[in-house]
C-alpha atoms as a PDB file:
ATOM      1  CA  MET A   1       0.000   0.000   0.000  1.00  0.00           C
ATOM      2  CA  LEU A   2       1.358   3.407  -0.979  1.00  0.00           C
ATOM      3  CA  GLU A   3       2.173   5.927   1.730  1.00  0.00           C
ATOM      4  CA  LEU A   4       0.033   8.985   0.986  1.00  0.00           C
ATOM      5  CA  LYS A   5       1.920  12.243   0.695  1.00  0.00           C
ATOM      6  CA  GLU A   6       1.436  15.705  -0.670  1.00  0.00           C
ATOM      7  CA  VAL A   7       2.249  15.540  -4.376  1.00  0.00           C
ATOM      8  CA  MET A   8       4.192  17.957  -6.556  1.00  0.00           C
ATOM      9  CA  LEU A   9       3.832  17.846 -10.334  1.00  0.00           C
ATOM     10  CA  TRP A  10       6.895  19.245 -12.083  1.00  0.00           C
ATOM     11  CA  ILE A  11       6.771  19.571 -15.866  1.00  0.00           C
ATOM     12  CA  GLY A  12       9.913  20.522 -17.782  1.00  0.00           C
ATOM     13  CA  ALA A  13      12.996  18.862 -16.302  1.00  0.00           C
ATOM     14  CA  GLY A  14      15.391  21.760 -16.830  1.00  0.00           C
ATOM     15  CA  GLN A  15      17.632  23.730 -14.516  1.00  0.00           C
ATOM     16  CA  ILE A  16      15.053  26.315 -13.402  1.00  0.00           C
ATOM     17  CA  GLY A  17      12.555  23.625 -12.435  1.00  0.00           C
ATOM     18  CA  LEU A  18      15.287  21.694 -10.656  1.00  0.00           C
ATOM     19  CA  ALA A  19      16.314  24.719  -8.591  1.00  0.00           C
ATOM     20  CA  ILE A  20      12.688  25.333  -7.557  1.00  0.00           C
ATOM     21  CA  ALA A  21      12.031  21.677  -6.747  1.00  0.00           C
ATOM     22  CA  ARG A  22      15.047  21.592  -4.442  1.00  0.00           C
ATOM     23  CA  ARG A  23      13.543  24.397  -2.368  1.00  0.00           C
ATOM     24  CA  VAL A  24       9.919  23.324  -2.122  1.00  0.00           C
ATOM     25  CA  GLY A  25       9.841  19.589  -2.876  1.00  0.00           C
ATOM     26  CA  PHE A  26      11.074  18.214   0.448  1.00  0.00           C
ATOM     27  CA  ASP A  27       8.672  15.788   2.213  1.00  0.00           C
ATOM     28  CA  LYS A  28       6.589  15.520  -0.973  1.00  0.00           C
ATOM     29  CA  LYS A  29       6.163  12.927  -3.670  1.00  0.00           C
ATOM     30  CA  ILE A  30       7.544  14.577  -6.806  1.00  0.00           C
ATOM     31  CA  LEU A  31       6.512  13.476 -10.270  1.00  0.00           C
ATOM     32  CA  VAL A  32       8.738  15.069 -12.907  1.00  0.00           C
ATOM     33  CA  GLY A  33       7.648  14.964 -16.519  1.00  0.00           C
ATOM     34  CA  ASP A  34       9.513  15.881 -19.680  1.00  0.00           C
ATOM     35  CA  LYS A  35       9.171  15.026 -23.358  1.00  0.00           C
ATOM     36  CA  ASP A  36      12.745  13.746 -23.076  1.00  0.00           C
ATOM     37  CA  PHE A  37      12.425  10.834 -20.639  1.00  0.00           C
ATOM     38  CA  THR A  38      16.209  10.599 -20.377  1.00  0.00           C
ATOM     39  CA  GLN A  39      16.330  14.166 -19.048  1.00  0.00           C
ATOM     40  CA  ALA A  40      13.509  13.463 -16.571  1.00  0.00           C
ATOM     41  CA  THR A  41      15.386  10.397 -15.365  1.00  0.00           C
ATOM     42  CA  LYS A  42      18.621  12.357 -15.012  1.00  0.00           C
ATOM     43  CA  VAL A  43      17.144  15.046 -12.745  1.00  0.00           C
ATOM     44  CA  SER A  44      15.272  12.367 -10.790  1.00  0.00           C
ATOM     45  CA  GLU A  45      18.534  10.595 -10.031  1.00  0.00           C
ATOM     46  CA  THR A  46      20.112  13.893  -9.013  1.00  0.00           C
ATOM     47  CA  LEU A  47      17.409  14.515  -6.403  1.00  0.00           C
ATOM     48  CA  GLN A  48      17.116  10.884  -5.327  1.00  0.00           C
ATOM     49  CA  HIS A  49      20.777  10.945  -4.389  1.00  0.00           C
ATOM     50  CA  VAL A  50      20.113  13.744  -1.898  1.00  0.00           C
ATOM     51  CA  GLY A  51      17.004  12.245  -0.315  1.00  0.00           C
ATOM     52  CA  PHE A  52      14.039  13.408  -2.428  1.00  0.00           C
ATOM     53  CA  ASP A  53      11.140  11.090  -3.269  1.00  0.00           C
ATOM     54  CA  ILE A  54      10.842  11.573  -7.029  1.00  0.00           C
ATOM     55  CA  GLU A  55       9.724   9.589 -10.069  1.00  0.00           C
ATOM     56  CA  PRO A  56      10.295  10.418 -13.764  1.00  0.00           C
ATOM     57  CA  PHE A  57       7.693  10.348 -16.550  1.00  0.00           C
ATOM     58  CA  GLU A  58       7.597  11.049 -20.251  1.00  0.00           C
ATOM     59  CA  VAL A  59       5.124  13.892 -20.773  1.00  0.00           C
ATOM     60  CA  ASP A  60       4.065  15.718 -23.917  1.00  0.00           C
ATOM     61  CA  LEU A  61       2.884  19.142 -22.763  1.00  0.00           C
ATOM     62  CA  SER A  62       0.781  19.549 -25.899  1.00  0.00           C
ATOM     63  CA  SER A  63      -1.202  16.341 -25.245  1.00  0.00           C
ATOM     64  CA  ARG A  64      -4.217  16.371 -22.923  1.00  0.00           C
ATOM     65  CA  THR A  65      -3.995  12.586 -22.578  1.00  0.00           C
ATOM     66  CA  SER A  66      -0.336  12.776 -21.557  1.00  0.00           C
ATOM     67  CA  ILE A  67      -1.033  15.470 -18.958  1.00  0.00           C
ATOM     68  CA  GLN A  68      -4.015  13.575 -17.578  1.00  0.00           C
ATOM     69  CA  HIS A  69      -1.845  10.470 -17.255  1.00  0.00           C
ATOM     70  CA  ILE A  70       0.736  12.097 -14.978  1.00  0.00           C
ATOM     71  CA  ILE A  71      -2.036  13.753 -12.963  1.00  0.00           C
ATOM     72  CA  GLU A  72      -3.705  10.372 -12.384  1.00  0.00           C
ATOM     73  CA  LYS A  73      -0.350   8.892 -11.359  1.00  0.00           C
ATOM     74  CA  GLY A  74       0.093  11.757  -8.924  1.00  0.00           C
ATOM     75  CA  LYS A  75      -3.336  11.202  -7.368  1.00  0.00           C
ATOM     76  CA  GLU A  76      -2.314   7.629  -6.560  1.00  0.00           C
ATOM     77  CA  HIS A  77       0.163   9.039  -4.050  1.00  0.00           C
ATOM     78  CA  GLY A  78      -2.045  11.685  -2.407  1.00  0.00           C
ATOM     79  CA  GLU A  79      -3.370  15.194  -2.960  1.00  0.00           C
ATOM     80  CA  ILE A  80      -1.701  17.321  -5.617  1.00  0.00           C
ATOM     81  CA  THR A  81      -0.640  20.437  -3.734  1.00  0.00           C
ATOM     82  CA  MET A  82       2.026  21.945  -6.007  1.00  0.00           C
ATOM     83  CA  LEU A  83       2.650  22.532  -9.703  1.00  0.00           C
ATOM     84  CA  ILE A  84       5.885  23.700 -11.275  1.00  0.00           C
ATOM     85  CA  ASN A  85       5.589  24.267 -15.011  1.00  0.00           C
ATOM     86  CA  ALA A  86       9.038  24.980 -16.403  1.00  0.00           C
ATOM     87  CA  ALA A  87       8.522  23.385 -19.821  1.00  0.00           C
ATOM     88  CA  GLY A  88       8.766  25.113 -23.163  1.00  0.00           C
ATOM     89  CA  VAL A  89      10.774  25.786 -26.289  1.00  0.00           C
ATOM     90  CA  SER A  90      12.565  28.966 -27.331  1.00  0.00           C
ATOM     91  CA  PRO A  91      12.487  30.991 -30.588  1.00  0.00           C
ATOM     92  CA  SER A  92      15.840  29.536 -31.616  1.00  0.00           C
ATOM     93  CA  GLN A  93      14.731  25.977 -30.949  1.00  0.00           C
ATOM     94  CA  ALA A  94      11.402  25.643 -32.703  1.00  0.00           C
ATOM     95  CA  SER A  95       9.037  26.728 -35.457  1.00  0.00           C
ATOM     96  CA  ILE A  96       6.089  29.091 -35.046  1.00  0.00           C
ATOM     97  CA  GLU A  97       3.694  26.135 -35.026  1.00  0.00           C
ATOM     98  CA  THR A  98       5.651  24.235 -32.357  1.00  0.00           C
ATOM     99  CA  ILE A  99       5.978  27.280 -30.100  1.00  0.00           C
ATOM    100  CA  LEU A 100       2.223  27.897 -30.262  1.00  0.00           C
ATOM    101  CA  LYS A 101       1.438  24.219 -29.684  1.00  0.00           C
ATOM    102  CA  VAL A 102       3.792  23.776 -26.724  1.00  0.00           C
ATOM    103  CA  ASP A 103       4.350  27.127 -25.016  1.00  0.00           C
ATOM    104  CA  LEU A 104       0.854  28.532 -25.566  1.00  0.00           C
ATOM    105  CA  TYR A 105      -1.637  25.673 -25.959  1.00  0.00           C
ATOM    106  CA  GLY A 106       0.348  23.244 -23.792  1.00  0.00           C
ATOM    107  CA  THR A 107       0.691  25.595 -20.840  1.00  0.00           C
ATOM    108  CA  THR A 108      -3.003  26.497 -21.047  1.00  0.00           C
ATOM    109  CA  LEU A 109      -3.887  22.812 -21.117  1.00  0.00           C
ATOM    110  CA  LEU A 110      -1.731  22.038 -18.089  1.00  0.00           C
ATOM    111  CA  LEU A 111      -3.129  24.881 -15.981  1.00  0.00           C
ATOM    112  CA  GLU A 112      -6.663  23.826 -16.865  1.00  0.00           C
ATOM    113  CA  GLU A 113      -6.183  20.144 -16.023  1.00  0.00           C
ATOM    114  CA  VAL A 114      -4.244  20.694 -12.788  1.00  0.00           C
ATOM    115  CA  GLY A 115      -6.805  23.328 -11.802  1.00  0.00           C
ATOM    116  CA  LYS A 116      -9.450  20.587 -11.747  1.00  0.00           C
ATOM    117  CA  VAL A 117      -7.629  18.625  -9.027  1.00  0.00           C
ATOM    118  CA  ILE A 118      -5.382  21.054  -7.118  1.00  0.00           C
ATOM    119  CA  ALA A 119      -5.833  20.720  -3.381  1.00  0.00           C
ATOM    120  CA  ASN A 120      -7.115  23.364  -0.994  1.00  0.00           C
ATOM    121  CA  HIS A 121      -4.144  25.634  -0.142  1.00  0.00           C
ATOM    122  CA  GLY A 122      -2.359  24.295  -3.216  1.00  0.00           C
ATOM    123  CA  VAL A 123      -0.125  26.516  -5.312  1.00  0.00           C
ATOM    124  CA  GLY A 124       1.240  26.630  -8.838  1.00  0.00           C
ATOM    125  CA  ILE A 125       4.015  28.422 -10.707  1.00  0.00           C
ATOM    126  CA  THR A 126       4.437  28.608 -14.456  1.00  0.00           C
ATOM    127  CA  ILE A 127       7.582  29.985 -16.049  1.00  0.00           C
ATOM    128  CA  SER A 128       6.840  32.661 -18.646  1.00  0.00           C
ATOM    129  CA  SER A 129       9.458  35.058 -20.094  1.00  0.00           C
ATOM    130  CA  GLN A 130      10.655  38.650 -20.043  1.00  0.00           C
ATOM    131  CA  SER A 131      10.277  38.534 -23.814  1.00  0.00           C
ATOM    132  CA  SER A 132       6.539  39.192 -23.628  1.00  0.00           C
ATOM    133  CA  HIS A 133       7.219  42.381 -21.654  1.00  0.00           C
ATOM    134  CA  ARG A 134       9.074  43.794 -24.673  1.00  0.00           C
ATOM    135  CA  MET A 135       6.126  43.208 -26.990  1.00  0.00           C
ATOM    136  CA  PRO A 136       3.827  46.218 -27.542  1.00  0.00           C
ATOM    137  CA  ALA A 137       0.547  46.159 -25.649  1.00  0.00           C
ATOM    138  CA  LEU A 138      -2.208  44.185 -27.327  1.00  0.00           C
ATOM    139  CA  ASP A 139      -5.775  45.288 -27.818  1.00  0.00           C
ATOM    140  CA  THR A 140      -7.817  44.701 -24.648  1.00  0.00           C
ATOM    141  CA  GLU A 141     -10.152  42.433 -26.604  1.00  0.00           C
ATOM    142  CA  ILE A 142      -7.219  40.274 -27.720  1.00  0.00           C
ATOM    143  CA  ASP A 143      -5.958  40.068 -24.133  1.00  0.00           C
ATOM    144  CA  ALA A 144      -9.404  38.957 -22.991  1.00  0.00           C
ATOM    145  CA  LEU A 145      -9.550  36.305 -25.708  1.00  0.00           C
ATOM    146  CA  LEU A 146      -6.112  34.988 -24.752  1.00  0.00           C
ATOM    147  CA  ALA A 147      -7.241  34.787 -21.134  1.00  0.00           C
ATOM    148  CA  THR A 148     -10.655  33.195 -21.536  1.00  0.00           C
ATOM    149  CA  THR A 149     -11.052  31.387 -24.867  1.00  0.00           C
ATOM    150  CA  PRO A 150     -11.731  27.658 -24.319  1.00  0.00           C
ATOM    151  CA  THR A 151      -8.466  25.766 -24.558  1.00  0.00           C
ATOM    152  CA  GLU A 152      -9.358  23.737 -27.629  1.00  0.00           C
ATOM    153  CA  GLU A 153     -10.338  26.916 -29.506  1.00  0.00           C
ATOM    154  CA  LEU A 154      -7.272  29.012 -28.620  1.00  0.00           C
ATOM    155  CA  LEU A 155      -5.208  28.278 -31.705  1.00  0.00           C
ATOM    156  CA  GLN A 156      -8.161  29.203 -33.903  1.00  0.00           C
ATOM    157  CA  LEU A 157      -7.969  32.870 -32.781  1.00  0.00           C
ATOM    158  CA  GLU A 158      -7.188  35.187 -35.691  1.00  0.00           C
ATOM    159  CA  SER A 159      -4.278  36.770 -33.814  1.00  0.00           C
ATOM    160  CA  LEU A 160      -2.673  33.325 -33.536  1.00  0.00           C
ATOM    161  CA  HIS A 161      -3.016  32.311 -37.190  1.00  0.00           C
ATOM    162  CA  VAL A 162       0.427  31.549 -38.552  1.00  0.00           C
ATOM    163  CA  GLN A 163       0.047  34.062 -41.386  1.00  0.00           C
ATOM    164  CA  ASN A 164      -0.447  36.834 -38.797  1.00  0.00           C
ATOM    165  CA  ILE A 165       2.757  35.995 -36.904  1.00  0.00           C
ATOM    166  CA  HIS A 166       6.005  37.553 -38.130  1.00  0.00           C
ATOM    167  CA  ASP A 167       8.520  34.960 -36.938  1.00  0.00           C
ATOM    168  CA  SER A 168       9.344  32.527 -34.126  1.00  0.00           C
ATOM    169  CA  LEU A 169      10.202  35.369 -31.723  1.00  0.00           C
ATOM    170  CA  HIS A 170       6.795  36.976 -32.281  1.00  0.00           C
ATOM    171  CA  ALA A 171       5.156  33.575 -31.714  1.00  0.00           C
ATOM    172  CA  TYR A 172       7.124  33.172 -28.475  1.00  0.00           C
ATOM    173  CA  GLN A 173       6.128  36.621 -27.237  1.00  0.00           C
ATOM    174  CA  LEU A 174       2.472  35.924 -28.002  1.00  0.00           C
ATOM    175  CA  ALA A 175       2.678  32.568 -26.236  1.00  0.00           C
ATOM    176  CA  LYS A 176       4.164  34.094 -23.121  1.00  0.00           C
ATOM    177  CA  ARG A 177       1.664  36.976 -23.148  1.00  0.00           C
ATOM    178  CA  CYS A 178      -1.065  34.331 -23.309  1.00  0.00           C
ATOM    179  CA  ASN A 179       0.548  32.491 -20.381  1.00  0.00           C
ATOM    180  CA  GLU A 180       0.389  35.616 -18.224  1.00  0.00           C
ATOM    181  CA  LYS A 181      -3.223  36.391 -19.148  1.00  0.00           C
ATOM    182  CA  ARG A 182      -4.195  32.761 -18.694  1.00  0.00           C
ATOM    183  CA  VAL A 183      -2.671  32.720 -15.215  1.00  0.00           C
ATOM    184  CA  MET A 184      -4.896  35.648 -14.271  1.00  0.00           C
ATOM    185  CA  ALA A 185      -8.026  33.864 -15.512  1.00  0.00           C
ATOM    186  CA  GLU A 186      -7.072  30.478 -14.098  1.00  0.00           C
ATOM    187  CA  ALA A 187      -6.258  32.055 -10.724  1.00  0.00           C
ATOM    188  CA  ILE A 188      -9.983  32.791 -10.425  1.00  0.00           C
ATOM    189  CA  ARG A 189     -10.826  29.127 -10.989  1.00  0.00           C
ATOM    190  CA  TRP A 190      -8.031  27.886  -8.763  1.00  0.00           C
ATOM    191  CA  GLY A 191      -9.192  30.312  -6.079  1.00  0.00           C
ATOM    192  CA  LYS A 192     -12.553  28.554  -5.915  1.00  0.00           C
ATOM    193  CA  ARG A 193     -10.620  25.490  -4.731  1.00  0.00           C
ATOM    194  CA  GLY A 194      -8.637  27.558  -2.230  1.00  0.00           C
ATOM    195  CA  ALA A 195      -5.485  27.413  -4.367  1.00  0.00           C
ATOM    196  CA  ARG A 196      -3.129  30.032  -5.839  1.00  0.00           C
ATOM    197  CA  LEU A 197      -1.410  30.412  -9.210  1.00  0.00           C
ATOM    198  CA  ASN A 198       1.266  32.831 -10.446  1.00  0.00           C
ATOM    199  CA  SER A 199       3.780  33.185 -13.250  1.00  0.00           C
ATOM    200  CA  ILE A 200       7.434  34.214 -13.275  1.00  0.00           C
ATOM    201  CA  SER A 201       9.001  35.945 -16.283  1.00  0.00           C
ATOM    202  CA  PRO A 202      12.762  35.423 -16.151  1.00  0.00           C
ATOM    203  CA  GLY A 203      15.292  37.208 -18.295  1.00  0.00           C
ATOM    204  CA  ILE A 204      18.141  35.233 -19.825  1.00  0.00           C
ATOM    205  CA  ILE A 205      19.069  32.635 -17.219  1.00  0.00           C
ATOM    206  CA  VAL A 206      22.211  30.510 -17.505  1.00  0.00           C
ATOM    207  CA  THR A 207      20.698  27.282 -18.887  1.00  0.00           C
ATOM    208  CA  PRO A 208      21.067  25.209 -22.082  1.00  0.00           C
ATOM    209  CA  LEU A 209      18.060  27.093 -23.506  1.00  0.00           C
ATOM    210  CA  ALA A 210      19.868  30.403 -22.952  1.00  0.00           C
ATOM    211  CA  LYS A 211      22.910  28.989 -24.720  1.00  0.00           C
ATOM    212  CA  ASP A 212      20.745  28.281 -27.772  1.00  0.00           C
ATOM    213  CA  GLU A 213      19.467  31.858 -27.743  1.00  0.00           C
ATOM    214  CA  PHE A 214      22.929  33.399 -27.423  1.00  0.00           C
ATOM    215  CA  GLU A 215      24.177  31.261 -30.290  1.00  0.00           C
ATOM    216  CA  GLY A 216      21.086  31.973 -32.399  1.00  0.00           C
ATOM    217  CA  GLU A 217      20.257  34.765 -34.822  1.00  0.00           C
ATOM    218  CA  ARG A 218      19.390  37.203 -32.002  1.00  0.00           C
ATOM    219  CA  GLY A 219      22.510  36.460 -29.972  1.00  0.00           C
ATOM    220  CA  ASP A 220      24.087  39.890 -30.496  1.00  0.00           C
ATOM    221  CA  PHE A 221      20.887  41.637 -29.400  1.00  0.00           C
ATOM    222  CA  TYR A 222      20.693  39.644 -26.169  1.00  0.00           C
ATOM    223  CA  GLN A 223      24.353  40.140 -25.355  1.00  0.00           C
ATOM    224  CA  LYS A 224      24.062  43.907 -25.776  1.00  0.00           C
ATOM    225  CA  ILE A 225      20.840  44.357 -23.826  1.00  0.00           C
ATOM    226  CA  PHE A 226      22.009  42.315 -20.861  1.00  0.00           C
ATOM    227  CA  ALA A 227      25.451  43.934 -20.858  1.00  0.00           C
ATOM    228  CA  LYS A 228      23.698  47.314 -20.587  1.00  0.00           C
ATOM    229  CA  SER A 229      21.177  46.208 -17.960  1.00  0.00           C
ATOM    230  CA  PRO A 230      21.501  47.493 -14.375  1.00  0.00           C
ATOM    231  CA  ALA A 231      22.630  44.046 -13.204  1.00  0.00           C
ATOM    232  CA  GLY A 232      25.108  43.807 -16.073  1.00  0.00           C
ATOM    233  CA  ARG A 233      24.955  40.023 -16.203  1.00  0.00           C
ATOM    234  CA  LEU A 234      22.783  36.976 -16.795  1.00  0.00           C
ATOM    235  CA  GLY A 235      20.688  35.404 -14.047  1.00  0.00           C
ATOM    236  CA  THR A 236      20.972  31.993 -12.435  1.00  0.00           C
ATOM    237  CA  PRO A 237      18.316  29.309 -11.870  1.00  0.00           C
ATOM    238  CA  ASP A 238      18.736  29.734  -8.126  1.00  0.00           C
ATOM    239  CA  GLU A 239      17.777  33.404  -8.331  1.00  0.00           C
ATOM    240  CA  VAL A 240      14.520  32.455 -10.042  1.00  0.00           C
ATOM    241  CA  ALA A 241      14.010  29.750  -7.428  1.00  0.00           C
ATOM    242  CA  HIS A 242      14.367  32.287  -4.583  1.00  0.00           C
ATOM    243  CA  LEU A 243      11.341  34.124  -5.990  1.00  0.00           C
ATOM    244  CA  ALA A 244       9.399  30.920  -6.642  1.00  0.00           C
ATOM    245  CA  GLU A 245      10.016  29.769  -3.079  1.00  0.00           C
ATOM    246  CA  LEU A 246       8.426  32.964  -1.747  1.00  0.00           C
ATOM    247  CA  LEU A 247       5.416  32.662  -4.055  1.00  0.00           C
ATOM    248  CA  MET A 248       4.871  28.998  -3.198  1.00  0.00           C
ATOM    249  CA  SER A 249       5.286  29.399   0.554  1.00  0.00           C
ATOM    250  CA  PRO A 250       2.796  30.659   3.154  1.00  0.00           C
ATOM    251  CA  LYS A 251       4.640  33.998   2.995  1.00  0.00           C
ATOM    252  CA  GLY A 252       3.116  34.436  -0.457  1.00  0.00           C
ATOM    253  CA  SER A 253      -0.406  33.579   0.651  1.00  0.00           C
ATOM    254  CA  PHE A 254      -1.880  36.900  -0.582  1.00  0.00           C
ATOM    255  CA  ILE A 255      -0.269  36.621  -4.028  1.00  0.00           C
ATOM    256  CA  THR A 256      -2.194  35.020  -6.871  1.00  0.00           C
ATOM    257  CA  GLY A 257      -2.989  35.768 -10.500  1.00  0.00           C
ATOM    258  CA  SER A 258       0.224  37.772 -10.894  1.00  0.00           C
ATOM    259  CA  ASP A 259       3.298  37.775 -13.095  1.00  0.00           C
ATOM    260  CA  PHE A 260       6.761  38.626 -11.762  1.00  0.00           C
ATOM    261  CA  LEU A 261       9.503  39.980 -14.020  1.00  0.00           C
ATOM    262  CA  ILE A 262      12.987  38.946 -12.898  1.00  0.00           C
ATOM    263  CA  ASP A 263      15.572  40.000 -15.479  1.00  0.00           C
ATOM    264  CA  GLY A 264      18.226  42.153 -13.793  1.00  0.00           C
ATOM    265  CA  GLY A 265      16.618  45.256 -15.252  1.00  0.00           C
ATOM    266  CA  ALA A 266      17.099  44.169 -18.884  1.00  0.00           C
ATOM    267  CA  THR A 267      13.559  45.158 -19.847  1.00  0.00           C
ATOM    268  CA  ALA A 268      14.051  48.549 -18.213  1.00  0.00           C
ATOM    269  CA  ALA A 269      17.261  48.965 -20.211  1.00  0.00           C
ATOM    270  CA  TYR A 270      15.486  47.953 -23.408  1.00  0.00           C
ATOM    271  CA  PHE A 271      12.915  50.741 -23.030  1.00  0.00           C
ATOM    272  CA  TYR A 272      14.812  53.447 -21.171  1.00  0.00           C
ATOM    273  CA  GLY A 273      18.520  52.672 -21.344  1.00  0.00           C
ATOM    274  CA  ALA A 274      21.083  54.492 -23.450  1.00  0.00           C
END
């Protein structure tokens, strides 16, 4: 018979998710899912070696069936009290269609499905991006549609038709803007279950994904903007995790439906720097 525990679902087995899980995953059953099962297994072994109770799964963020599967596995161990969504692809890694399917539709799908089962006093974090903060403001009607359109109809919105999207960066910015608006709307639903939900928008953090961006076609732009930012450097996964720990702890009990920009002032430099 399984020992019942509080359960954490962690999707996206990268360095940011790992740093957060280290801070808030103690005494919980952690289920980590990633499209790359080898990567999920690798981070599981890392945490198992230092005493965490964790199990790896292959998860396709863009598949409702795949998400439902890991949720059902989690429920076998107890109440799902935490969600860390750190999955996604970057503009240098994927096509417009893939970015919309994974970063936009997939995140929306995950928040919806976990929101159906999250426990009272549960909490979720989804990792967005500073990139959306550089995109010009959208029409209020478009924002409302991104926030509230039924999940299976999202990609049918005119603003998300491939012919209306300039390139993979524009697709990424739209996806992350949708994430932030969706968090606001889902926080209302989660709140009815006594749970909280927020998003974090990191700048360039030292991870393999960041390496792809710096070596991609926009590498020079990123190097210049972060060199001229107030912090004058890139961020680390642990710095994002410090913020996530606050938001996911009782100290953050009055915070829900919000997005937090953590980029060393790079966005400020983009708009108002020299």
